[in-house]
Amino acid sequence: MLSIGEFSKICKVSTKTLRYYAEIGLILPSEINPENGYRYYSIEQLETMLFIIRLKSYNFSLEEIKQIMEFGEFSEEKLYAALTQKKENIKKHLQECERSLNQLEHDISNIKCGKPIMSYLDDIDVELVDVPKMYLLSIRKMVEANNFSDEYVLNFGKLFSKIQKENLTISNPPMVLFHSEEFSPFGLDTEFAIPVKEYATGTRDFKAGLCLRTVIKGSYSILSSVYARQTKWAEQNGYECTSTLFEVYVTDPYQISSEDELITEVYYPIRKI
């Protein structure tokens, strides 16, 4: 048996942390002296503690680690799944950090050249286009911002299944229309839609008319900047927004190997004031 101090020294974890881990049920002392309250750990628990430390180094939360340790039967299979998911999360975080680093370097370069940090907005292209009438097969619902990715897969999956079942013909790439007048943490009034050639049950007319269009390549993180640029362009040139903003996904985000391959068209319906 090892005293809590000896166990702490070997694992390089403070006794305060060990007491907290015991409090939340993550790793309990093997024995507690009822007379003086001294805590003792078994030699076998060294491996358990090292396992916890290893998972923490992968950025697992204590709650996640606790759940992994409670897997029981088929624990290796579930541990494999948990590690694989964490690997994907870390890769995504690294990509985000790399993108932020590149953007930071670009901003620093602009400032060194005497340009304002927000001058990148002027580099976002805006063009006037007339969007023809189309038939949309769609699903409209309230969607929380952090659930958009899951809802994208779910709703477009349903729409593609219906198109196949009813033998409809897709005329343009999938699109999303944002009907909410303002951002809300409780959800956005969102319409997932696929343009089709045939007018069938469940389809509706869509007439966007005159729009500002911006084609972006790469991460969706620039979308807010695009809308800001379009809004400013409309004001400066005597136009106002008339209808629902929408995005067309030229490339499927789930069929590419890198965000750099994404192509998205952003539309801002307008009319002359």
C-alpha atoms as a PDB file:
ATOM      1  CA  MET A   1       0.000   0.000   0.000  1.00  0.00           C
ATOM      2  CA  LEU A   2       1.091   3.563  -0.651  1.00  0.00           C
ATOM      3  CA  SER A   3       0.241   6.588   1.455  1.00  0.00           C
ATOM      4  CA  ILE A   4      -1.467   9.452  -0.347  1.00  0.00           C
ATOM      5  CA  GLY A   5       1.820  11.352  -0.195  1.00  0.00           C
ATOM      6  CA  GLU A   6       3.812   8.518  -1.774  1.00  0.00           C
ATOM      7  CA  PHE A   7       1.121   8.007  -4.413  1.00  0.00           C
ATOM      8  CA  SER A   8       1.133  11.755  -5.125  1.00  0.00           C
ATOM      9  CA  LYS A   9       4.917  11.836  -5.506  1.00  0.00           C
ATOM     10  CA  ILE A  10       5.082   8.891  -7.897  1.00  0.00           C
ATOM     11  CA  CYS A  11       2.249  10.124 -10.131  1.00  0.00           C
ATOM     12  CA  LYS A  12       3.208  13.807  -9.813  1.00  0.00           C
ATOM     13  CA  VAL A  13      -0.347  14.725  -8.823  1.00  0.00           C
ATOM     14  CA  SER A  14      -1.011  16.877  -5.759  1.00  0.00           C
ATOM     15  CA  THR A  15      -2.766  15.392  -2.741  1.00  0.00           C
ATOM     16  CA  LYS A  16      -5.389  18.131  -3.115  1.00  0.00           C
ATOM     17  CA  THR A  17      -6.122  16.856  -6.624  1.00  0.00           C
ATOM     18  CA  LEU A  18      -6.292  13.255  -5.401  1.00  0.00           C
ATOM     19  CA  ARG A  19      -8.812  14.244  -2.730  1.00  0.00           C
ATOM     20  CA  TYR A  20     -10.875  16.030  -5.356  1.00  0.00           C
ATOM     21  CA  TYR A  21     -10.755  13.004  -7.664  1.00  0.00           C
ATOM     22  CA  ALA A  22     -12.007  10.875  -4.781  1.00  0.00           C
ATOM     23  CA  GLU A  23     -14.765  13.413  -4.084  1.00  0.00           C
ATOM     24  CA  ILE A  24     -16.108  13.163  -7.638  1.00  0.00           C
ATOM     25  CA  GLY A  25     -15.683   9.383  -7.713  1.00  0.00           C
ATOM     26  CA  LEU A  26     -12.933   9.285 -10.330  1.00  0.00           C
ATOM     27  CA  ILE A  27     -10.388   7.307  -8.294  1.00  0.00           C
ATOM     28  CA  LEU A  28     -11.014   6.337  -4.688  1.00  0.00           C
ATOM     29  CA  PRO A  29      -8.399   5.397  -2.088  1.00  0.00           C
ATOM     30  CA  SER A  30      -8.047   1.673  -1.716  1.00  0.00           C
ATOM     31  CA  GLU A  31      -8.208   2.084   2.058  1.00  0.00           C
ATOM     32  CA  ILE A  32      -8.932   4.847   4.590  1.00  0.00           C
ATOM     33  CA  ASN A  33      -7.776   4.459   8.183  1.00  0.00           C
ATOM     34  CA  PRO A  34     -10.946   4.951  10.291  1.00  0.00           C
ATOM     35  CA  GLU A  35      -8.943   6.259  13.262  1.00  0.00           C
ATOM     36  CA  ASN A  36      -6.935   9.046  11.621  1.00  0.00           C
ATOM     37  CA  GLY A  37      -8.478   9.322   8.139  1.00  0.00           C
ATOM     38  CA  TYR A  38      -5.186   8.592   6.380  1.00  0.00           C
ATOM     39  CA  ARG A  39      -5.684   7.516   2.791  1.00  0.00           C
ATOM     40  CA  TYR A  40      -3.834   4.651   1.108  1.00  0.00           C
ATOM     41  CA  TYR A  41      -3.673   3.546  -2.499  1.00  0.00           C
ATOM     42  CA  SER A  42      -2.783   0.148  -3.908  1.00  0.00           C
ATOM     43  CA  ILE A  43       0.118  -0.437  -6.285  1.00  0.00           C
ATOM     44  CA  GLU A  44      -2.433  -1.442  -8.947  1.00  0.00           C
ATOM     45  CA  GLN A  45      -4.005   2.021  -8.760  1.00  0.00           C
ATOM     46  CA  LEU A  46      -0.813   3.578 -10.088  1.00  0.00           C
ATOM     47  CA  GLU A  47      -1.796   2.302 -13.540  1.00  0.00           C
ATOM     48  CA  THR A  48      -5.297   3.735 -13.127  1.00  0.00           C
ATOM     49  CA  MET A  49      -3.866   7.127 -12.195  1.00  0.00           C
ATOM     50  CA  LEU A  50      -1.466   7.080 -15.145  1.00  0.00           C
ATOM     51  CA  PHE A  51      -4.421   6.229 -17.398  1.00  0.00           C
ATOM     52  CA  ILE A  52      -6.288   9.280 -16.092  1.00  0.00           C
ATOM     53  CA  ILE A  53      -3.232  11.486 -16.641  1.00  0.00           C
ATOM     54  CA  ARG A  54      -2.868  10.181 -20.190  1.00  0.00           C
ATOM     55  CA  LEU A  55      -6.488  10.944 -21.051  1.00  0.00           C
ATOM     56  CA  LYS A  56      -6.164  14.421 -19.520  1.00  0.00           C
ATOM     57  CA  SER A  57      -3.197  15.055 -21.813  1.00  0.00           C
ATOM     58  CA  TYR A  58      -5.586  14.410 -24.732  1.00  0.00           C
ATOM     59  CA  ASN A  59      -7.900  17.142 -23.365  1.00  0.00           C
ATOM     60  CA  PHE A  60     -10.563  14.773 -22.060  1.00  0.00           C
ATOM     61  CA  SER A  61     -12.632  16.415 -19.337  1.00  0.00           C
ATOM     62  CA  LEU A  62     -12.836  14.735 -15.943  1.00  0.00           C
ATOM     63  CA  GLU A  63     -16.477  13.875 -16.665  1.00  0.00           C
ATOM     64  CA  GLU A  64     -15.487  12.249 -19.962  1.00  0.00           C
ATOM     65  CA  ILE A  65     -12.716  10.283 -18.242  1.00  0.00           C
ATOM     66  CA  LYS A  66     -15.145   9.127 -15.574  1.00  0.00           C
ATOM     67  CA  GLN A  67     -17.550   7.883 -18.225  1.00  0.00           C
ATOM     68  CA  ILE A  68     -14.758   6.026 -20.026  1.00  0.00           C
ATOM     69  CA  MET A  69     -13.698   4.334 -16.791  1.00  0.00           C
ATOM     70  CA  GLU A  70     -17.298   3.242 -16.215  1.00  0.00           C
ATOM     71  CA  PHE A  71     -17.648   1.592 -19.640  1.00  0.00           C
ATOM     72  CA  GLY A  72     -17.275  -1.893 -18.182  1.00  0.00           C
ATOM     73  CA  GLU A  73     -17.971  -4.558 -20.808  1.00  0.00           C
ATOM     74  CA  PHE A  74     -16.493  -3.912 -24.274  1.00  0.00           C
ATOM     75  CA  SER A  75     -14.485  -1.045 -22.743  1.00  0.00           C
ATOM     76  CA  GLU A  76     -11.673  -1.396 -25.294  1.00  0.00           C
ATOM     77  CA  GLU A  77     -14.107  -0.917 -28.172  1.00  0.00           C
ATOM     78  CA  LYS A  78     -15.688   2.153 -26.558  1.00  0.00           C
ATOM     79  CA  LEU A  79     -12.312   3.528 -25.547  1.00  0.00           C
ATOM     80  CA  TYR A  80     -11.175   3.195 -29.154  1.00  0.00           C
ATOM     81  CA  ALA A  81     -14.240   5.134 -30.301  1.00  0.00           C
ATOM     82  CA  ALA A  82     -13.664   7.851 -27.680  1.00  0.00           C
ATOM     83  CA  LEU A  83      -9.984   8.212 -28.623  1.00  0.00           C
ATOM     84  CA  THR A  84     -10.811   8.327 -32.334  1.00  0.00           C
ATOM     85  CA  GLN A  85     -13.386  11.077 -31.782  1.00  0.00           C
ATOM     86  CA  LYS A  86     -10.953  13.052 -29.632  1.00  0.00           C
ATOM     87  CA  LYS A  87      -8.333  12.719 -32.365  1.00  0.00           C
ATOM     88  CA  GLU A  88     -10.757  14.271 -34.868  1.00  0.00           C
ATOM     89  CA  ASN A  89     -11.573  17.072 -32.423  1.00  0.00           C
ATOM     90  CA  ILE A  90      -7.879  17.862 -31.931  1.00  0.00           C
ATOM     91  CA  LYS A  91      -7.259  17.823 -35.702  1.00  0.00           C
ATOM     92  CA  LYS A  92     -10.140  20.267 -36.180  1.00  0.00           C
ATOM     93  CA  HIS A  93      -8.758  22.488 -33.410  1.00  0.00           C
ATOM     94  CA  LEU A  94      -5.324  22.443 -35.038  1.00  0.00           C
ATOM     95  CA  GLN A  95      -6.868  23.489 -38.354  1.00  0.00           C
ATOM     96  CA  GLU A  96      -8.671  26.356 -36.610  1.00  0.00           C
ATOM     97  CA  CYS A  97      -5.427  27.421 -34.936  1.00  0.00           C
ATOM     98  CA  GLU A  98      -3.594  27.279 -38.269  1.00  0.00           C
ATOM     99  CA  ARG A  99      -6.302  29.409 -39.880  1.00  0.00           C
ATOM    100  CA  SER A 100      -6.145  31.923 -37.022  1.00  0.00           C
ATOM    101  CA  LEU A 101      -2.352  32.059 -37.304  1.00  0.00           C
ATOM    102  CA  ASN A 102      -2.525  32.759 -41.040  1.00  0.00           C
ATOM    103  CA  GLN A 103      -5.125  35.454 -40.476  1.00  0.00           C
ATOM    104  CA  LEU A 104      -3.030  36.976 -37.701  1.00  0.00           C
ATOM    105  CA  GLU A 105       0.029  37.092 -39.931  1.00  0.00           C
ATOM    106  CA  HIS A 106      -2.043  38.741 -42.680  1.00  0.00           C
ATOM    107  CA  ASP A 107      -3.328  41.392 -40.240  1.00  0.00           C
ATOM    108  CA  ILE A 108       0.180  42.084 -38.959  1.00  0.00           C
ATOM    109  CA  SER A 109       1.426  42.453 -42.542  1.00  0.00           C
ATOM    110  CA  ASN A 110      -1.390  44.906 -43.355  1.00  0.00           C
ATOM    111  CA  ILE A 111      -0.634  47.032 -40.306  1.00  0.00           C
ATOM    112  CA  LYS A 112       3.087  47.098 -41.210  1.00  0.00           C
ATOM    113  CA  CYS A 113       2.080  48.371 -44.658  1.00  0.00           C
ATOM    114  CA  GLY A 114      -0.077  51.088 -43.144  1.00  0.00           C
ATOM    115  CA  LYS A 115      -3.432  49.405 -43.905  1.00  0.00           C
ATOM    116  CA  PRO A 116      -6.307  49.257 -41.354  1.00  0.00           C
ATOM    117  CA  ILE A 117      -6.829  45.840 -39.794  1.00  0.00           C
ATOM    118  CA  MET A 118     -10.350  45.660 -41.282  1.00  0.00           C
ATOM    119  CA  SER A 119      -9.201  46.546 -44.801  1.00  0.00           C
ATOM    120  CA  TYR A 120      -9.678  42.877 -45.767  1.00  0.00           C
ATOM    121  CA  LEU A 121     -13.400  43.630 -46.116  1.00  0.00           C
ATOM    122  CA  ASP A 122     -12.656  45.702 -49.227  1.00  0.00           C
ATOM    123  CA  ASP A 123     -11.117  42.608 -50.833  1.00  0.00           C
ATOM    124  CA  ILE A 124     -14.412  40.696 -50.663  1.00  0.00           C
ATOM    125  CA  ASP A 125     -15.948  40.745 -54.153  1.00  0.00           C
ATOM    126  CA  VAL A 126     -19.613  41.695 -54.578  1.00  0.00           C
ATOM    127  CA  GLU A 127     -21.552  41.394 -57.852  1.00  0.00           C
ATOM    128  CA  LEU A 128     -25.121  42.115 -58.934  1.00  0.00           C
ATOM    129  CA  VAL A 129     -26.992  39.088 -60.304  1.00  0.00           C
ATOM    130  CA  ASP A 130     -30.579  38.306 -61.206  1.00  0.00           C
ATOM    131  CA  VAL A 131     -31.554  34.966 -59.688  1.00  0.00           C
ATOM    132  CA  PRO A 132     -34.222  33.191 -61.777  1.00  0.00           C
ATOM    133  CA  LYS A 133     -37.357  31.667 -60.287  1.00  0.00           C
ATOM    134  CA  MET A 134     -36.920  28.121 -59.020  1.00  0.00           C
ATOM    135  CA  TYR A 135     -38.832  25.347 -57.283  1.00  0.00           C
ATOM    136  CA  LEU A 136     -37.575  24.421 -53.842  1.00  0.00           C
ATOM    137  CA  LEU A 137     -38.102  21.169 -51.999  1.00  0.00           C
ATOM    138  CA  SER A 138     -37.430  22.210 -48.425  1.00  0.00           C
ATOM    139  CA  ILE A 139     -37.668  21.694 -44.680  1.00  0.00           C
ATOM    140  CA  ARG A 140     -38.101  24.765 -42.477  1.00  0.00           C
ATOM    141  CA  LYS A 141     -37.479  24.697 -38.734  1.00  0.00           C
ATOM    142  CA  MET A 142     -35.903  26.507 -35.792  1.00  0.00           C
ATOM    143  CA  VAL A 143     -32.237  25.511 -35.456  1.00  0.00           C
ATOM    144  CA  GLU A 144     -29.821  26.341 -32.672  1.00  0.00           C
ATOM    145  CA  ALA A 145     -26.551  27.734 -33.996  1.00  0.00           C
ATOM    146  CA  ASN A 146     -24.406  25.011 -32.397  1.00  0.00           C
ATOM    147  CA  ASN A 147     -26.626  22.285 -33.915  1.00  0.00           C
ATOM    148  CA  PHE A 148     -26.413  23.519 -37.493  1.00  0.00           C
ATOM    149  CA  SER A 149     -23.912  20.883 -38.619  1.00  0.00           C
ATOM    150  CA  ASP A 150     -26.078  18.006 -37.338  1.00  0.00           C
ATOM    151  CA  GLU A 151     -29.250  19.567 -38.767  1.00  0.00           C
ATOM    152  CA  TYR A 152     -27.493  20.010 -42.120  1.00  0.00           C
ATOM    153  CA  VAL A 153     -26.842  16.269 -42.354  1.00  0.00           C
ATOM    154  CA  LEU A 154     -30.281  15.287 -41.026  1.00  0.00           C
ATOM    155  CA  ASN A 155     -32.426  17.556 -43.187  1.00  0.00           C
ATOM    156  CA  PHE A 156     -30.544  17.294 -46.440  1.00  0.00           C
ATOM    157  CA  GLY A 157     -30.516  13.521 -45.920  1.00  0.00           C
ATOM    158  CA  LYS A 158     -34.324  13.593 -45.764  1.00  0.00           C
ATOM    159  CA  LEU A 159     -34.578  15.847 -48.814  1.00  0.00           C
ATOM    160  CA  PHE A 160     -32.249  13.732 -50.957  1.00  0.00           C
ATOM    161  CA  SER A 161     -34.192  10.596 -49.944  1.00  0.00           C
ATOM    162  CA  LYS A 162     -37.471  12.219 -51.010  1.00  0.00           C
ATOM    163  CA  ILE A 163     -35.953  13.346 -54.316  1.00  0.00           C
ATOM    164  CA  GLN A 164     -34.810   9.800 -55.038  1.00  0.00           C
ATOM    165  CA  LYS A 165     -38.122   8.280 -53.950  1.00  0.00           C
ATOM    166  CA  GLU A 166     -40.213  10.639 -56.098  1.00  0.00           C
ATOM    167  CA  ASN A 167     -37.753  10.572 -59.007  1.00  0.00           C
ATOM    168  CA  LEU A 168     -37.253  14.341 -59.015  1.00  0.00           C
ATOM    169  CA  THR A 169     -34.452  16.153 -60.857  1.00  0.00           C
ATOM    170  CA  ILE A 170     -32.039  18.390 -58.945  1.00  0.00           C
ATOM    171  CA  SER A 171     -31.509  21.665 -60.791  1.00  0.00           C
ATOM    172  CA  ASN A 172     -29.010  23.459 -58.523  1.00  0.00           C
ATOM    173  CA  PRO A 173     -26.817  22.785 -55.455  1.00  0.00           C
ATOM    174  CA  PRO A 174     -28.342  22.613 -51.949  1.00  0.00           C
ATOM    175  CA  MET A 175     -29.032  25.900 -50.214  1.00  0.00           C
ATOM    176  CA  VAL A 176     -30.020  27.276 -46.824  1.00  0.00           C
ATOM    177  CA  LEU A 177     -32.289  30.278 -46.321  1.00  0.00           C
ATOM    178  CA  PHE A 178     -32.206  32.258 -43.084  1.00  0.00           C
ATOM    179  CA  HIS A 179     -35.644  33.701 -42.279  1.00  0.00           C
ATOM    180  CA  SER A 180     -34.823  35.038 -38.804  1.00  0.00           C
ATOM    181  CA  GLU A 181     -34.686  38.818 -38.525  1.00  0.00           C
ATOM    182  CA  GLU A 182     -31.983  38.621 -35.873  1.00  0.00           C
ATOM    183  CA  PHE A 183     -29.579  36.139 -34.296  1.00  0.00           C
ATOM    184  CA  SER A 184     -31.085  34.332 -31.326  1.00  0.00           C
ATOM    185  CA  PRO A 185     -29.447  31.847 -28.933  1.00  0.00           C
ATOM    186  CA  PHE A 186     -32.784  30.004 -28.919  1.00  0.00           C
ATOM    187  CA  GLY A 187     -32.561  29.201 -32.599  1.00  0.00           C
ATOM    188  CA  LEU A 188     -32.688  30.547 -36.134  1.00  0.00           C
ATOM    189  CA  ASP A 189     -35.659  30.214 -38.488  1.00  0.00           C
ATOM    190  CA  THR A 190     -33.850  28.106 -41.079  1.00  0.00           C
ATOM    191  CA  GLU A 191     -34.955  26.523 -44.339  1.00  0.00           C
ATOM    192  CA  PHE A 192     -32.913  23.673 -45.822  1.00  0.00           C
ATOM    193  CA  ALA A 193     -33.721  23.494 -49.529  1.00  0.00           C
ATOM    194  CA  ILE A 194     -32.804  21.742 -52.769  1.00  0.00           C
ATOM    195  CA  PRO A 195     -33.890  23.289 -56.095  1.00  0.00           C
ATOM    196  CA  VAL A 196     -35.683  20.796 -58.373  1.00  0.00           C
ATOM    197  CA  LYS A 197     -36.984  21.017 -61.943  1.00  0.00           C
ATOM    198  CA  GLU A 198     -40.397  19.523 -61.238  1.00  0.00           C
ATOM    199  CA  TYR A 199     -43.197  21.154 -59.275  1.00  0.00           C
ATOM    200  CA  ALA A 200     -44.324  18.412 -56.907  1.00  0.00           C
ATOM    201  CA  THR A 201     -45.943  17.950 -53.502  1.00  0.00           C
ATOM    202  CA  GLY A 202     -43.851  19.729 -50.899  1.00  0.00           C
ATOM    203  CA  THR A 203     -42.160  22.135 -53.310  1.00  0.00           C
ATOM    204  CA  ARG A 204     -42.643  25.913 -53.380  1.00  0.00           C
ATOM    205  CA  ASP A 205     -41.870  28.811 -55.666  1.00  0.00           C
ATOM    206  CA  PHE A 206     -38.805  30.875 -54.831  1.00  0.00           C
ATOM    207  CA  LYS A 207     -38.213  34.247 -56.462  1.00  0.00           C
ATOM    208  CA  ALA A 208     -35.074  35.917 -55.160  1.00  0.00           C
ATOM    209  CA  GLY A 209     -34.767  38.354 -58.067  1.00  0.00           C
ATOM    210  CA  LEU A 210     -31.981  40.932 -57.892  1.00  0.00           C
ATOM    211  CA  CYS A 211     -29.254  39.909 -55.423  1.00  0.00           C
ATOM    212  CA  LEU A 212     -25.736  40.679 -54.380  1.00  0.00           C
ATOM    213  CA  ARG A 213     -23.612  37.561 -54.764  1.00  0.00           C
ATOM    214  CA  THR A 214     -20.267  36.749 -53.247  1.00  0.00           C
ATOM    215  CA  VAL A 215     -18.421  33.525 -53.988  1.00  0.00           C
ATOM    216  CA  ILE A 216     -16.104  32.411 -51.228  1.00  0.00           C
ATOM    217  CA  LYS A 217     -13.538  29.644 -51.206  1.00  0.00           C
ATOM    218  CA  GLY A 218     -12.530  28.113 -47.906  1.00  0.00           C
ATOM    219  CA  SER A 219     -13.825  28.154 -44.346  1.00  0.00           C
ATOM    220  CA  TYR A 220     -17.342  29.218 -43.393  1.00  0.00           C
ATOM    221  CA  SER A 221     -15.757  31.445 -40.726  1.00  0.00           C
ATOM    222  CA  ILE A 222     -15.676  34.338 -43.209  1.00  0.00           C
ATOM    223  CA  LEU A 223     -19.467  34.326 -43.752  1.00  0.00           C
ATOM    224  CA  SER A 224     -20.157  37.098 -41.217  1.00  0.00           C
ATOM    225  CA  SER A 225     -17.574  39.282 -42.935  1.00  0.00           C
ATOM    226  CA  VAL A 226     -19.234  38.627 -46.293  1.00  0.00           C
ATOM    227  CA  TYR A 227     -22.637  39.718 -45.006  1.00  0.00           C
ATOM    228  CA  ALA A 228     -21.078  42.828 -43.475  1.00  0.00           C
ATOM    229  CA  ARG A 229     -19.406  43.675 -46.802  1.00  0.00           C
ATOM    230  CA  GLN A 230     -22.642  43.114 -48.752  1.00  0.00           C
ATOM    231  CA  THR A 231     -24.630  45.279 -46.330  1.00  0.00           C
ATOM    232  CA  LYS A 232     -22.094  48.095 -46.610  1.00  0.00           C
ATOM    233  CA  TRP A 233     -21.995  47.820 -50.426  1.00  0.00           C
ATOM    234  CA  ALA A 234     -25.800  48.006 -50.627  1.00  0.00           C
ATOM    235  CA  GLU A 235     -25.920  51.123 -48.457  1.00  0.00           C
ATOM    236  CA  GLN A 236     -23.131  52.867 -50.363  1.00  0.00           C
ATOM    237  CA  ASN A 237     -24.781  52.175 -53.721  1.00  0.00           C
ATOM    238  CA  GLY A 238     -28.369  53.023 -52.823  1.00  0.00           C
ATOM    239  CA  TYR A 239     -29.866  49.564 -52.309  1.00  0.00           C
ATOM    240  CA  GLU A 240     -31.743  47.918 -49.441  1.00  0.00           C
ATOM    241  CA  CYS A 241     -32.290  44.299 -48.444  1.00  0.00           C
ATOM    242  CA  THR A 242     -35.699  42.989 -49.516  1.00  0.00           C
ATOM    243  CA  SER A 243     -35.885  39.371 -48.497  1.00  0.00           C
ATOM    244  CA  THR A 244     -34.311  36.323 -46.933  1.00  0.00           C
ATOM    245  CA  LEU A 245     -30.539  35.915 -47.071  1.00  0.00           C
ATOM    246  CA  PHE A 246     -29.407  32.561 -48.416  1.00  0.00           C
ATOM    247  CA  GLU A 247     -26.315  30.475 -49.044  1.00  0.00           C
ATOM    248  CA  VAL A 248     -25.689  27.944 -51.800  1.00  0.00           C
ATOM    249  CA  TYR A 249     -23.273  25.095 -51.046  1.00  0.00           C
ATOM    250  CA  VAL A 250     -21.512  24.376 -54.327  1.00  0.00           C
ATOM    251  CA  THR A 251     -19.341  21.757 -52.631  1.00  0.00           C
ATOM    252  CA  ASP A 252     -20.557  19.259 -50.042  1.00  0.00           C
ATOM    253  CA  PRO A 253     -18.614  19.879 -46.775  1.00  0.00           C
ATOM    254  CA  TYR A 254     -18.734  16.152 -46.059  1.00  0.00           C
ATOM    255  CA  GLN A 255     -17.181  15.144 -49.390  1.00  0.00           C
ATOM    256  CA  ILE A 256     -13.944  17.125 -49.175  1.00  0.00           C
ATOM    257  CA  SER A 257     -10.614  16.537 -47.487  1.00  0.00           C
ATOM    258  CA  SER A 258      -9.894  20.157 -46.531  1.00  0.00           C
ATOM    259  CA  GLU A 259     -11.873  23.329 -45.799  1.00  0.00           C
ATOM    260  CA  ASP A 260      -9.812  25.023 -48.516  1.00  0.00           C
ATOM    261  CA  GLU A 261     -11.886  23.080 -51.070  1.00  0.00           C
ATOM    262  CA  LEU A 262     -15.189  24.590 -49.893  1.00  0.00           C
ATOM    263  CA  ILE A 263     -17.033  26.798 -52.378  1.00  0.00           C
ATOM    264  CA  THR A 264     -20.032  28.756 -51.109  1.00  0.00           C
ATOM    265  CA  GLU A 265     -22.194  31.367 -52.795  1.00  0.00           C
ATOM    266  CA  VAL A 266     -23.712  33.998 -50.500  1.00  0.00           C
ATOM    267  CA  TYR A 267     -26.808  35.878 -51.696  1.00  0.00           C
ATOM    268  CA  TYR A 268     -28.246  39.163 -50.409  1.00  0.00           C
ATOM    269  CA  PRO A 269     -31.604  40.061 -52.071  1.00  0.00           C
ATOM    270  CA  ILE A 270     -31.876  43.808 -52.788  1.00  0.00           C
ATOM    271  CA  ARG A 271     -33.807  46.572 -54.558  1.00  0.00           C
ATOM    272  CA  LYS A 272     -32.931  50.126 -55.509  1.00  0.00           C
ATOM    273  CA  ILE A 273     -34.050  52.697 -52.974  1.00  0.00           C
END
